[in-house]
Amino acid sequence: MGEWMHGLCGCFDNIGICIVAYFVPCYTFGKNAEAVGDSCLLCGIAYFVPFLNIFAAVSIRGKLRNQKGIDGSCLGDFFSIICCPLCSLVQEAQESQGFGPMSMVRE
């Protein structure tokens, strides 16, 4: 099993994703959902519904972890989302879009 490419507090590793997630989190959440095969529109709307947004966020984070082979648990996902929702959203976006530590290096 692997690790996340960026830590939970690695929000500023990609400032573009960070800015979009701060101003339009429903868009970022929808794109994260789309990356794991869920509906971008439905998840973007679910982001505004209390309790459904937490359930959807835990589900998407778990699917992303399984897809990328990252260690973790449903409980850990829940606490990441509750304690630092924006940081976890950006971390998922960076993971799903492939922004790793070496992505800034051009060949």
PDB file of N, CA and C in Angstrom:
ATOM      1  N   MET A   1       0.843  -1.178   0.000  1.00  0.00           N
ATOM      2  CA  MET A   1       0.000   0.000   0.000  1.00  0.00           C
ATOM      3  C   MET A   1       0.890   1.243   0.000  1.00  0.00           C
ATOM      4  N   GLY A   2       0.356   2.314  -0.541  1.00  0.00           N
ATOM      5  CA  GLY A   2       1.133   3.530  -0.682  1.00  0.00           C
ATOM      6  C   GLY A   2       0.704   4.631   0.263  1.00  0.00           C
ATOM      7  N   GLU A   3       1.240   5.793  -0.010  1.00  0.00           N
ATOM      8  CA  GLU A   3       0.969   6.995   0.775  1.00  0.00           C
ATOM      9  C   GLU A   3       0.393   8.062  -0.155  1.00  0.00           C
ATOM     10  N   TRP A   4      -0.170   9.090   0.425  1.00  0.00           N
ATOM     11  CA  TRP A   4      -0.631  10.235  -0.354  1.00  0.00           C
ATOM     12  C   TRP A   4       0.584  10.938  -0.947  1.00  0.00           C
ATOM     13  N   MET A   5       0.464  11.469  -2.153  1.00  0.00           N
ATOM     14  CA  MET A   5       1.567  12.209  -2.771  1.00  0.00           C
ATOM     15  C   MET A   5       1.860  13.492  -2.004  1.00  0.00           C
ATOM     16  N   HIS A   6       0.835  14.055  -1.385  1.00  0.00           N
ATOM     17  CA  HIS A   6       0.965  15.295  -0.612  1.00  0.00           C
ATOM     18  C   HIS A   6       0.339  15.068   0.750  1.00  0.00           C
ATOM     19  N   GLY A   7       0.913  15.683   1.757  1.00  0.00           N
ATOM     20  CA  GLY A   7       0.358  15.582   3.094  1.00  0.00           C
ATOM     21  C   GLY A   7      -0.941  16.360   3.212  1.00  0.00           C
ATOM     22  N   LEU A   8      -1.630  16.162   4.301  1.00  0.00           N
ATOM     23  CA  LEU A   8      -2.889  16.852   4.523  1.00  0.00           C
ATOM     24  C   LEU A   8      -2.700  18.370   4.552  1.00  0.00           C
ATOM     25  N   CYS A   9      -1.563  18.815   5.010  1.00  0.00           N
ATOM     26  CA  CYS A   9      -1.285  20.258   5.058  1.00  0.00           C
ATOM     27  C   CYS A   9      -0.462  20.718   3.860  1.00  0.00           C
ATOM     28  N   GLY A  10      -0.464  19.951   2.783  1.00  0.00           N
ATOM     29  CA  GLY A  10       0.269  20.311   1.574  1.00  0.00           C
ATOM     30  C   GLY A  10      -0.586  21.094   0.600  1.00  0.00           C
ATOM     31  N   CYS A  11      -1.495  21.891   1.132  1.00  0.00           N
ATOM     32  CA  CYS A  11      -2.450  22.637   0.304  1.00  0.00           C
ATOM     33  C   CYS A  11      -1.761  23.534  -0.719  1.00  0.00           C
ATOM     34  N   PHE A  12      -0.661  24.129  -0.329  1.00  0.00           N
ATOM     35  CA  PHE A  12      -0.029  25.116  -1.187  1.00  0.00           C
ATOM     36  C   PHE A  12       0.992  24.511  -2.151  1.00  0.00           C
ATOM     37  N   ASP A  13       1.043  23.183  -2.237  1.00  0.00           N
ATOM     38  CA  ASP A  13       1.926  22.552  -3.219  1.00  0.00           C
ATOM     39  C   ASP A  13       1.483  22.892  -4.638  1.00  0.00           C
ATOM     40  N   ASN A  14       0.183  23.076  -4.826  1.00  0.00           N
ATOM     41  CA  ASN A  14      -0.347  23.545  -6.101  1.00  0.00           C
ATOM     42  C   ASN A  14      -1.322  24.673  -5.789  1.00  0.00           C
ATOM     43  N   ILE A  15      -0.873  25.884  -5.940  1.00  0.00           N
ATOM     44  CA  ILE A  15      -1.655  27.049  -5.537  1.00  0.00           C
ATOM     45  C   ILE A  15      -2.924  27.210  -6.375  1.00  0.00           C
ATOM     46  N   GLY A  16      -2.890  26.759  -7.615  1.00  0.00           N
ATOM     47  CA  GLY A  16      -4.072  26.854  -8.476  1.00  0.00           C
ATOM     48  C   GLY A  16      -5.230  26.026  -7.938  1.00  0.00           C
ATOM     49  N   ILE A  17      -4.958  24.790  -7.580  1.00  0.00           N
ATOM     50  CA  ILE A  17      -5.990  23.927  -7.000  1.00  0.00           C
ATOM     51  C   ILE A  17      -6.469  24.508  -5.681  1.00  0.00           C
ATOM     52  N   CYS A  18      -5.556  25.030  -4.907  1.00  0.00           N
ATOM     53  CA  CYS A  18      -5.899  25.608  -3.607  1.00  0.00           C
ATOM     54  C   CYS A  18      -6.855  26.786  -3.756  1.00  0.00           C
ATOM     55  N   ILE A  19      -6.599  27.653  -4.701  1.00  0.00           N
ATOM     56  CA  ILE A  19      -7.455  28.822  -4.916  1.00  0.00           C
ATOM     57  C   ILE A  19      -8.842  28.410  -5.398  1.00  0.00           C
ATOM     58  N   VAL A  20      -8.891  27.494  -6.364  1.00  0.00           N
ATOM     59  CA  VAL A  20     -10.181  27.031  -6.872  1.00  0.00           C
ATOM     60  C   VAL A  20     -10.977  26.344  -5.761  1.00  0.00           C
ATOM     61  N   ALA A  21     -10.317  25.505  -4.973  1.00  0.00           N
ATOM     62  CA  ALA A  21     -10.996  24.798  -3.881  1.00  0.00           C
ATOM     63  C   ALA A  21     -11.499  25.776  -2.817  1.00  0.00           C
ATOM     64  N   TYR A  22     -10.788  26.853  -2.595  1.00  0.00           N
ATOM     65  CA  TYR A  22     -11.207  27.837  -1.589  1.00  0.00           C
ATOM     66  C   TYR A  22     -12.443  28.611  -2.047  1.00  0.00           C
ATOM     67  N   PHE A  23     -12.447  29.041  -3.304  1.00  0.00           N
ATOM     68  CA  PHE A  23     -13.544  29.864  -3.791  1.00  0.00           C
ATOM     69  C   PHE A  23     -14.724  29.056  -4.341  1.00  0.00           C
ATOM     70  N   VAL A  24     -14.464  27.880  -4.904  1.00  0.00           N
ATOM     71  CA  VAL A  24     -15.527  27.055  -5.488  1.00  0.00           C
ATOM     72  C   VAL A  24     -15.320  25.597  -5.065  1.00  0.00           C
ATOM     73  N   PRO A  25     -15.507  25.289  -3.777  1.00  0.00           N
ATOM     74  CA  PRO A  25     -15.236  23.923  -3.316  1.00  0.00           C
ATOM     75  C   PRO A  25     -16.152  22.875  -3.941  1.00  0.00           C
ATOM     76  N   CYS A  26     -17.366  23.264  -4.316  1.00  0.00           N
ATOM     77  CA  CYS A  26     -18.278  22.291  -4.922  1.00  0.00           C
ATOM     78  C   CYS A  26     -17.745  21.812  -6.277  1.00  0.00           C
ATOM     79  N   TYR A  27     -17.082  22.688  -7.019  1.00  0.00           N
ATOM     80  CA  TYR A  27     -16.486  22.304  -8.297  1.00  0.00           C
ATOM     81  C   TYR A  27     -15.346  21.309  -8.081  1.00  0.00           C
ATOM     82  N   THR A  28     -14.478  21.617  -7.142  1.00  0.00           N
ATOM     83  CA  THR A  28     -13.353  20.724  -6.843  1.00  0.00           C
ATOM     84  C   THR A  28     -13.863  19.376  -6.361  1.00  0.00           C
ATOM     85  N   PHE A  29     -14.870  19.398  -5.492  1.00  0.00           N
ATOM     86  CA  PHE A  29     -15.444  18.149  -4.997  1.00  0.00           C
ATOM     87  C   PHE A  29     -16.062  17.340  -6.130  1.00  0.00           C
ATOM     88  N   GLY A  30     -16.766  18.006  -7.032  1.00  0.00           N
ATOM     89  CA  GLY A  30     -17.348  17.320  -8.188  1.00  0.00           C
ATOM     90  C   GLY A  30     -16.291  16.702  -9.081  1.00  0.00           C
ATOM     91  N   LYS A  31     -15.204  17.415  -9.310  1.00  0.00           N
ATOM     92  CA  LYS A  31     -14.111  16.883 -10.139  1.00  0.00           C
ATOM     93  C   LYS A  31     -13.428  15.692  -9.460  1.00  0.00           C
ATOM     94  N   ASN A  32     -13.296  15.746  -8.139  1.00  0.00           N
ATOM     95  CA  ASN A  32     -12.740  14.597  -7.409  1.00  0.00           C
ATOM     96  C   ASN A  32     -13.655  13.390  -7.562  1.00  0.00           C
ATOM     97  N   ALA A  33     -14.963  13.617  -7.488  1.00  0.00           N
ATOM     98  CA  ALA A  33     -15.932  12.533  -7.649  1.00  0.00           C
ATOM     99  C   ALA A  33     -15.860  11.960  -9.057  1.00  0.00           C
ATOM    100  N   GLU A  34     -15.737  12.828 -10.031  1.00  0.00           N
ATOM    101  CA  GLU A  34     -15.647  12.393 -11.423  1.00  0.00           C
ATOM    102  C   GLU A  34     -14.407  11.527 -11.645  1.00  0.00           C
ATOM    103  N   ALA A  35     -13.330  11.839 -10.953  1.00  0.00           N
ATOM    104  CA  ALA A  35     -12.084  11.089 -11.104  1.00  0.00           C
ATOM    105  C   ALA A  35     -12.206   9.642 -10.619  1.00  0.00           C
ATOM    106  N   VAL A  36     -13.159   9.389  -9.712  1.00  0.00           N
ATOM    107  CA  VAL A  36     -13.350   8.019  -9.213  1.00  0.00           C
ATOM    108  C   VAL A  36     -14.584   7.364  -9.818  1.00  0.00           C
ATOM    109  N   GLY A  37     -15.199   8.015 -10.809  1.00  0.00           N
ATOM    110  CA  GLY A  37     -16.311   7.414 -11.527  1.00  0.00           C
ATOM    111  C   GLY A  37     -17.700   7.809 -11.054  1.00  0.00           C
ATOM    112  N   ASP A  38     -17.812   8.761 -10.153  1.00  0.00           N
ATOM    113  CA  ASP A  38     -19.114   9.238  -9.698  1.00  0.00           C
ATOM    114  C   ASP A  38     -19.518  10.472 -10.500  1.00  0.00           C
ATOM    115  N   SER A  39     -20.757  10.896 -10.330  1.00  0.00           N
ATOM    116  CA  SER A  39     -21.277  12.038 -11.059  1.00  0.00           C
ATOM    117  C   SER A  39     -20.726  13.352 -10.505  1.00  0.00           C
ATOM    118  N   CYS A  40     -20.124  14.126 -11.379  1.00  0.00           N
ATOM    119  CA  CYS A  40     -19.589  15.438 -10.988  1.00  0.00           C
ATOM    120  C   CYS A  40     -20.717  16.357 -10.526  1.00  0.00           C
ATOM    121  N   LEU A  41     -21.800  16.399 -11.271  1.00  0.00           N
ATOM    122  CA  LEU A  41     -22.907  17.294 -10.957  1.00  0.00           C
ATOM    123  C   LEU A  41     -23.605  16.908  -9.655  1.00  0.00           C
ATOM    124  N   LEU A  42     -23.926  15.622  -9.502  1.00  0.00           N
ATOM    125  CA  LEU A  42     -24.630  15.190  -8.292  1.00  0.00           C
ATOM    126  C   LEU A  42     -23.789  15.389  -7.037  1.00  0.00           C
ATOM    127  N   CYS A  43     -22.507  15.106  -7.122  1.00  0.00           N
ATOM    128  CA  CYS A  43     -21.641  15.293  -5.956  1.00  0.00           C
ATOM    129  C   CYS A  43     -21.410  16.776  -5.675  1.00  0.00           C
ATOM    130  N   GLY A  44     -21.337  17.582  -6.725  1.00  0.00           N
ATOM    131  CA  GLY A  44     -21.205  19.023  -6.531  1.00  0.00           C
ATOM    132  C   GLY A  44     -22.422  19.603  -5.817  1.00  0.00           C
ATOM    133  N   ILE A  45     -23.605  19.108  -6.168  1.00  0.00           N
ATOM    134  CA  ILE A  45     -24.828  19.540  -5.492  1.00  0.00           C
ATOM    135  C   ILE A  45     -24.880  18.997  -4.068  1.00  0.00           C
ATOM    136  N   ALA A  46     -24.468  17.737  -3.890  1.00  0.00           N
ATOM    137  CA  ALA A  46     -24.477  17.114  -2.559  1.00  0.00           C
ATOM    138  C   ALA A  46     -23.575  17.858  -1.582  1.00  0.00           C
ATOM    139  N   TYR A  47     -22.597  18.573  -2.109  1.00  0.00           N
ATOM    140  CA  TYR A  47     -21.684  19.334  -1.258  1.00  0.00           C
ATOM    141  C   TYR A  47     -22.430  20.381  -0.421  1.00  0.00           C
ATOM    142  N   PHE A  48     -23.598  20.824  -0.883  1.00  0.00           N
ATOM    143  CA  PHE A  48     -24.363  21.852  -0.176  1.00  0.00           C
ATOM    144  C   PHE A  48     -25.389  21.299   0.808  1.00  0.00           C
ATOM    145  N   VAL A  49     -25.564  19.979   0.840  1.00  0.00           N
ATOM    146  CA  VAL A  49     -26.581  19.370   1.704  1.00  0.00           C
ATOM    147  C   VAL A  49     -25.907  18.852   2.982  1.00  0.00           C
ATOM    148  N   PRO A  50     -26.274  19.420   4.140  1.00  0.00           N
ATOM    149  CA  PRO A  50     -25.652  18.978   5.400  1.00  0.00           C
ATOM    150  C   PRO A  50     -25.816  17.469   5.617  1.00  0.00           C
ATOM    151  N   PHE A  51     -24.823  16.871   6.165  1.00  0.00           N
ATOM    152  CA  PHE A  51     -24.707  15.444   6.458  1.00  0.00           C
ATOM    153  C   PHE A  51     -24.513  14.606   5.200  1.00  0.00           C
ATOM    154  N   LEU A  52     -25.239  14.907   4.132  1.00  0.00           N
ATOM    155  CA  LEU A  52     -25.006  14.206   2.872  1.00  0.00           C
ATOM    156  C   LEU A  52     -23.622  14.555   2.347  1.00  0.00           C
ATOM    157  N   ASN A  53     -23.192  15.806   2.562  1.00  0.00           N
ATOM    158  CA  ASN A  53     -21.869  16.219   2.092  1.00  0.00           C
ATOM    159  C   ASN A  53     -20.765  15.444   2.810  1.00  0.00           C
ATOM    160  N   ILE A  54     -20.941  15.180   4.088  1.00  0.00           N
ATOM    161  CA  ILE A  54     -19.929  14.417   4.829  1.00  0.00           C
ATOM    162  C   ILE A  54     -19.905  12.972   4.350  1.00  0.00           C
ATOM    163  N   PHE A  55     -21.077  12.386   4.185  1.00  0.00           N
ATOM    164  CA  PHE A  55     -21.156  11.014   3.693  1.00  0.00           C
ATOM    165  C   PHE A  55     -20.518  10.896   2.309  1.00  0.00           C
ATOM    166  N   ALA A  56     -20.857  11.833   1.424  1.00  0.00           N
ATOM    167  CA  ALA A  56     -20.300  11.808   0.063  1.00  0.00           C
ATOM    168  C   ALA A  56     -18.786  12.015   0.081  1.00  0.00           C
ATOM    169  N   ALA A  57     -18.319  12.922   0.928  1.00  0.00           N
ATOM    170  CA  ALA A  57     -16.878  13.202   0.999  1.00  0.00           C
ATOM    171  C   ALA A  57     -16.097  11.987   1.502  1.00  0.00           C
ATOM    172  N   VAL A  58     -16.628  11.306   2.506  1.00  0.00           N
ATOM    173  CA  VAL A  58     -15.962  10.099   3.015  1.00  0.00           C
ATOM    174  C   VAL A  58     -15.960   9.012   1.940  1.00  0.00           C
ATOM    175  N   SER A  59     -17.066   8.896   1.236  1.00  0.00           N
ATOM    176  CA  SER A  59     -17.168   7.899   0.166  1.00  0.00           C
ATOM    177  C   SER A  59     -16.162   8.169  -0.959  1.00  0.00           C
ATOM    178  N   ILE A  60     -16.094   9.413  -1.399  1.00  0.00           N
ATOM    179  CA  ILE A  60     -15.170   9.779  -2.488  1.00  0.00           C
ATOM    180  C   ILE A  60     -13.722   9.589  -2.053  1.00  0.00           C
ATOM    181  N   ARG A  61     -13.405  10.015  -0.839  1.00  0.00           N
ATOM    182  CA  ARG A  61     -12.029   9.869  -0.341  1.00  0.00           C
ATOM    183  C   ARG A  61     -11.645   8.390  -0.247  1.00  0.00           C
ATOM    184  N   GLY A  62     -12.573   7.554   0.213  1.00  0.00           N
ATOM    185  CA  GLY A  62     -12.314   6.119   0.294  1.00  0.00           C
ATOM    186  C   GLY A  62     -12.114   5.489  -1.074  1.00  0.00           C
ATOM    187  N   LYS A  63     -12.939   5.885  -2.036  1.00  0.00           N
ATOM    188  CA  LYS A  63     -12.793   5.363  -3.402  1.00  0.00           C
ATOM    189  C   LYS A  63     -11.453   5.785  -4.001  1.00  0.00           C
ATOM    190  N   LEU A  64     -11.062   7.018  -3.755  1.00  0.00           N
ATOM    191  CA  LEU A  64      -9.778   7.502  -4.269  1.00  0.00           C
ATOM    192  C   LEU A  64      -8.619   6.735  -3.641  1.00  0.00           C
ATOM    193  N   ARG A  65      -8.707   6.506  -2.324  1.00  0.00           N
ATOM    194  CA  ARG A  65      -7.658   5.727  -1.649  1.00  0.00           C
ATOM    195  C   ARG A  65      -7.568   4.328  -2.233  1.00  0.00           C
ATOM    196  N   ASN A  66      -8.705   3.677  -2.439  1.00  0.00           N
ATOM    197  CA  ASN A  66      -8.706   2.325  -3.002  1.00  0.00           C
ATOM    198  C   ASN A  66      -8.164   2.307  -4.426  1.00  0.00           C
ATOM    199  N   GLN A  67      -8.554   3.301  -5.213  1.00  0.00           N
ATOM    200  CA  GLN A  67      -8.112   3.393  -6.599  1.00  0.00           C
ATOM    201  C   GLN A  67      -6.596   3.579  -6.701  1.00  0.00           C
ATOM    202  N   LYS A  68      -6.041   4.371  -5.799  1.00  0.00           N
ATOM    203  CA  LYS A  68      -4.606   4.681  -5.836  1.00  0.00           C
ATOM    204  C   LYS A  68      -3.767   3.784  -4.931  1.00  0.00           C
ATOM    205  N   GLY A  69      -4.417   2.878  -4.187  1.00  0.00           N
ATOM    206  CA  GLY A  69      -3.678   1.966  -3.308  1.00  0.00           C
ATOM    207  C   GLY A  69      -3.057   2.655  -2.111  1.00  0.00           C
ATOM    208  N   ILE A  70      -3.786   3.572  -1.510  1.00  0.00           N
ATOM    209  CA  ILE A  70      -3.286   4.350  -0.372  1.00  0.00           C
ATOM    210  C   ILE A  70      -3.815   3.745   0.923  1.00  0.00           C
ATOM    211  N   ASP A  71      -2.933   3.624   1.910  1.00  0.00           N
ATOM    212  CA  ASP A  71      -3.335   3.133   3.228  1.00  0.00           C
ATOM    213  C   ASP A  71      -4.320   4.097   3.874  1.00  0.00           C
ATOM    214  N   GLY A  72      -5.182   3.566   4.711  1.00  0.00           N
ATOM    215  CA  GLY A  72      -6.105   4.410   5.450  1.00  0.00           C
ATOM    216  C   GLY A  72      -7.370   3.660   5.808  1.00  0.00           C
ATOM    217  N   SER A  73      -8.286   4.377   6.443  1.00  0.00           N
ATOM    218  CA  SER A  73      -9.548   3.773   6.857  1.00  0.00           C
ATOM    219  C   SER A  73     -10.675   4.784   6.705  1.00  0.00           C
ATOM    220  N   CYS A  74     -11.882   4.283   6.780  1.00  0.00           N
ATOM    221  CA  CYS A  74     -13.066   5.128   6.696  1.00  0.00           C
ATOM    222  C   CYS A  74     -13.094   6.126   7.864  1.00  0.00           C
ATOM    223  N   LEU A  75     -12.698   5.675   9.031  1.00  0.00           N
ATOM    224  CA  LEU A  75     -12.673   6.543  10.207  1.00  0.00           C
ATOM    225  C   LEU A  75     -11.627   7.654  10.046  1.00  0.00           C
ATOM    226  N   GLY A  76     -10.461   7.302   9.515  1.00  0.00           N
ATOM    227  CA  GLY A  76      -9.432   8.306   9.255  1.00  0.00           C
ATOM    228  C   GLY A  76      -9.887   9.328   8.218  1.00  0.00           C
ATOM    229  N   ASP A  77     -10.592   8.842   7.187  1.00  0.00           N
ATOM    230  CA  ASP A  77     -11.138   9.753   6.179  1.00  0.00           C
ATOM    231  C   ASP A  77     -12.141  10.709   6.814  1.00  0.00           C
ATOM    232  N   PHE A  78     -13.005  10.173   7.666  1.00  0.00           N
ATOM    233  CA  PHE A  78     -14.017  10.981   8.343  1.00  0.00           C
ATOM    234  C   PHE A  78     -13.374  12.099   9.156  1.00  0.00           C
ATOM    235  N   PHE A  79     -12.365  11.761   9.958  1.00  0.00           N
ATOM    236  CA  PHE A  79     -11.729  12.775  10.788  1.00  0.00           C
ATOM    237  C   PHE A  79     -10.939  13.791   9.967  1.00  0.00           C
ATOM    238  N   SER A  80     -10.347  13.363   8.872  1.00  0.00           N
ATOM    239  CA  SER A  80      -9.649  14.305   7.991  1.00  0.00           C
ATOM    240  C   SER A  80     -10.630  15.326   7.423  1.00  0.00           C
ATOM    241  N   ILE A  81     -11.788  14.852   7.026  1.00  0.00           N
ATOM    242  CA  ILE A  81     -12.790  15.724   6.422  1.00  0.00           C
ATOM    243  C   ILE A  81     -13.424  16.649   7.459  1.00  0.00           C
ATOM    244  N   ILE A  82     -13.665  16.136   8.651  1.00  0.00           N
ATOM    245  CA  ILE A  82     -14.275  16.949   9.705  1.00  0.00           C
ATOM    246  C   ILE A  82     -13.295  17.998  10.237  1.00  0.00           C
ATOM    247  N   CYS A  83     -12.050  17.602  10.466  1.00  0.00           N
ATOM    248  CA  CYS A  83     -11.067  18.509  11.076  1.00  0.00           C
ATOM    249  C   CYS A  83     -10.523  19.545  10.097  1.00  0.00           C
ATOM    250  N   CYS A  84     -10.334  19.156   8.859  1.00  0.00           N
ATOM    251  CA  CYS A  84      -9.750  20.080   7.883  1.00  0.00           C
ATOM    252  C   CYS A  84     -10.340  19.807   6.495  1.00  0.00           C
ATOM    253  N   PRO A  85     -11.581  20.236   6.278  1.00  0.00           N
ATOM    254  CA  PRO A  85     -12.253  19.892   5.023  1.00  0.00           C
ATOM    255  C   PRO A  85     -11.577  20.453   3.771  1.00  0.00           C
ATOM    256  N   LEU A  86     -11.103  21.670   3.827  1.00  0.00           N
ATOM    257  CA  LEU A  86     -10.475  22.261   2.645  1.00  0.00           C
ATOM    258  C   LEU A  86      -9.152  21.571   2.324  1.00  0.00           C
ATOM    259  N   CYS A  87      -8.358  21.280   3.349  1.00  0.00           N
ATOM    260  CA  CYS A  87      -7.082  20.604   3.130  1.00  0.00           C
ATOM    261  C   CYS A  87      -7.291  19.205   2.556  1.00  0.00           C
ATOM    262  N   SER A  88      -8.282  18.479   3.059  1.00  0.00           N
ATOM    263  CA  SER A  88      -8.528  17.133   2.536  1.00  0.00           C
ATOM    264  C   SER A  88      -9.048  17.208   1.103  1.00  0.00           C
ATOM    265  N   LEU A  89      -9.854  18.222   0.793  1.00  0.00           N
ATOM    266  CA  LEU A  89     -10.359  18.396  -0.564  1.00  0.00           C
ATOM    267  C   LEU A  89      -9.218  18.670  -1.543  1.00  0.00           C
ATOM    268  N   VAL A  90      -8.302  19.533  -1.157  1.00  0.00           N
ATOM    269  CA  VAL A  90      -7.157  19.850  -2.013  1.00  0.00           C
ATOM    270  C   VAL A  90      -6.239  18.635  -2.143  1.00  0.00           C
ATOM    271  N   GLN A  91      -6.027  17.909  -1.056  1.00  0.00           N
ATOM    272  CA  GLN A  91      -5.191  16.710  -1.097  1.00  0.00           C
ATOM    273  C   GLN A  91      -5.769  15.695  -2.082  1.00  0.00           C
ATOM    274  N   GLU A  92      -7.067  15.493  -2.052  1.00  0.00           N
ATOM    275  CA  GLU A  92      -7.717  14.561  -2.977  1.00  0.00           C
ATOM    276  C   GLU A  92      -7.590  15.047  -4.422  1.00  0.00           C
ATOM    277  N   ALA A  93      -7.758  16.346  -4.629  1.00  0.00           N
ATOM    278  CA  ALA A  93      -7.654  16.902  -5.980  1.00  0.00           C
ATOM    279  C   ALA A  93      -6.245  16.722  -6.536  1.00  0.00           C
ATOM    280  N   GLN A  94      -5.246  16.963  -5.700  1.00  0.00           N
ATOM    281  CA  GLN A  94      -3.866  16.790  -6.152  1.00  0.00           C
ATOM    282  C   GLN A  94      -3.595  15.327  -6.475  1.00  0.00           C
ATOM    283  N   GLU A  95      -4.135  14.425  -5.691  1.00  0.00           N
ATOM    284  CA  GLU A  95      -3.940  12.998  -5.918  1.00  0.00           C
ATOM    285  C   GLU A  95      -4.653  12.545  -7.193  1.00  0.00           C
ATOM    286  N   SER A  96      -5.896  12.984  -7.370  1.00  0.00           N
ATOM    287  CA  SER A  96      -6.670  12.526  -8.524  1.00  0.00           C
ATOM    288  C   SER A  96      -6.169  13.121  -9.833  1.00  0.00           C
ATOM    289  N   GLN A  97      -5.561  14.291  -9.760  1.00  0.00           N
ATOM    290  CA  GLN A  97      -5.052  14.926 -10.975  1.00  0.00           C
ATOM    291  C   GLN A  97      -3.580  14.630 -11.215  1.00  0.00           C
ATOM    292  N   GLY A  98      -2.980  13.870 -10.333  1.00  0.00           N
ATOM    293  CA  GLY A  98      -1.604  13.444 -10.542  1.00  0.00           C
ATOM    294  C   GLY A  98      -0.554  14.489 -10.286  1.00  0.00           C
ATOM    295  N   PHE A  99      -0.808  15.427  -9.375  1.00  0.00           N
ATOM    296  CA  PHE A  99       0.184  16.443  -9.058  1.00  0.00           C
ATOM    297  C   PHE A  99       1.099  15.925  -7.952  1.00  0.00           C
ATOM    298  N   GLY A 100       2.133  15.220  -8.362  1.00  0.00           N
ATOM    299  CA  GLY A 100       3.090  14.686  -7.405  1.00  0.00           C
ATOM    300  C   GLY A 100       4.246  15.629  -7.192  1.00  0.00           C
ATOM    301  N   PRO A 101       5.162  15.264  -6.309  1.00  0.00           N
ATOM    302  CA  PRO A 101       6.315  16.113  -6.034  1.00  0.00           C
ATOM    303  C   PRO A 101       7.181  16.354  -7.269  1.00  0.00           C
ATOM    304  N   MET A 102       7.210  15.399  -8.189  1.00  0.00           N
ATOM    305  CA  MET A 102       8.067  15.544  -9.363  1.00  0.00           C
ATOM    306  C   MET A 102       7.320  16.131 -10.553  1.00  0.00           C
ATOM    307  N   SER A 103       6.039  16.464 -10.403  1.00  0.00           N
ATOM    308  CA  SER A 103       5.266  16.960 -11.545  1.00  0.00           C
ATOM    309  C   SER A 103       5.708  18.355 -11.975  1.00  0.00           C
ATOM    310  N   MET A 104       6.411  19.061 -11.120  1.00  0.00           N
ATOM    311  CA  MET A 104       6.877  20.397 -11.465  1.00  0.00           C
ATOM    312  C   MET A 104       8.165  20.341 -12.286  1.00  0.00           C
ATOM    313  N   VAL A 105       8.823  19.203 -12.294  1.00  0.00           N
ATOM    314  CA  VAL A 105      10.085  19.054 -13.018  1.00  0.00           C
ATOM    315  C   VAL A 105       9.768  18.761 -14.483  1.00  0.00           C
ATOM    316  N   ARG A 106      10.319  19.540 -15.362  1.00  0.00           N
ATOM    317  CA  ARG A 106      10.099  19.327 -16.799  1.00  0.00           C
ATOM    318  C   ARG A 106      11.314  18.630 -17.386  1.00  0.00           C
ATOM    319  N   GLU A 107      11.012  17.737 -18.302  1.00  0.00           N
ATOM    320  CA  GLU A 107      12.108  16.984 -18.927  1.00  0.00           C
ATOM    321  C   GLU A 107      12.567  17.661 -20.178  1.00  0.00           C
TER     322      GLU A 107
END
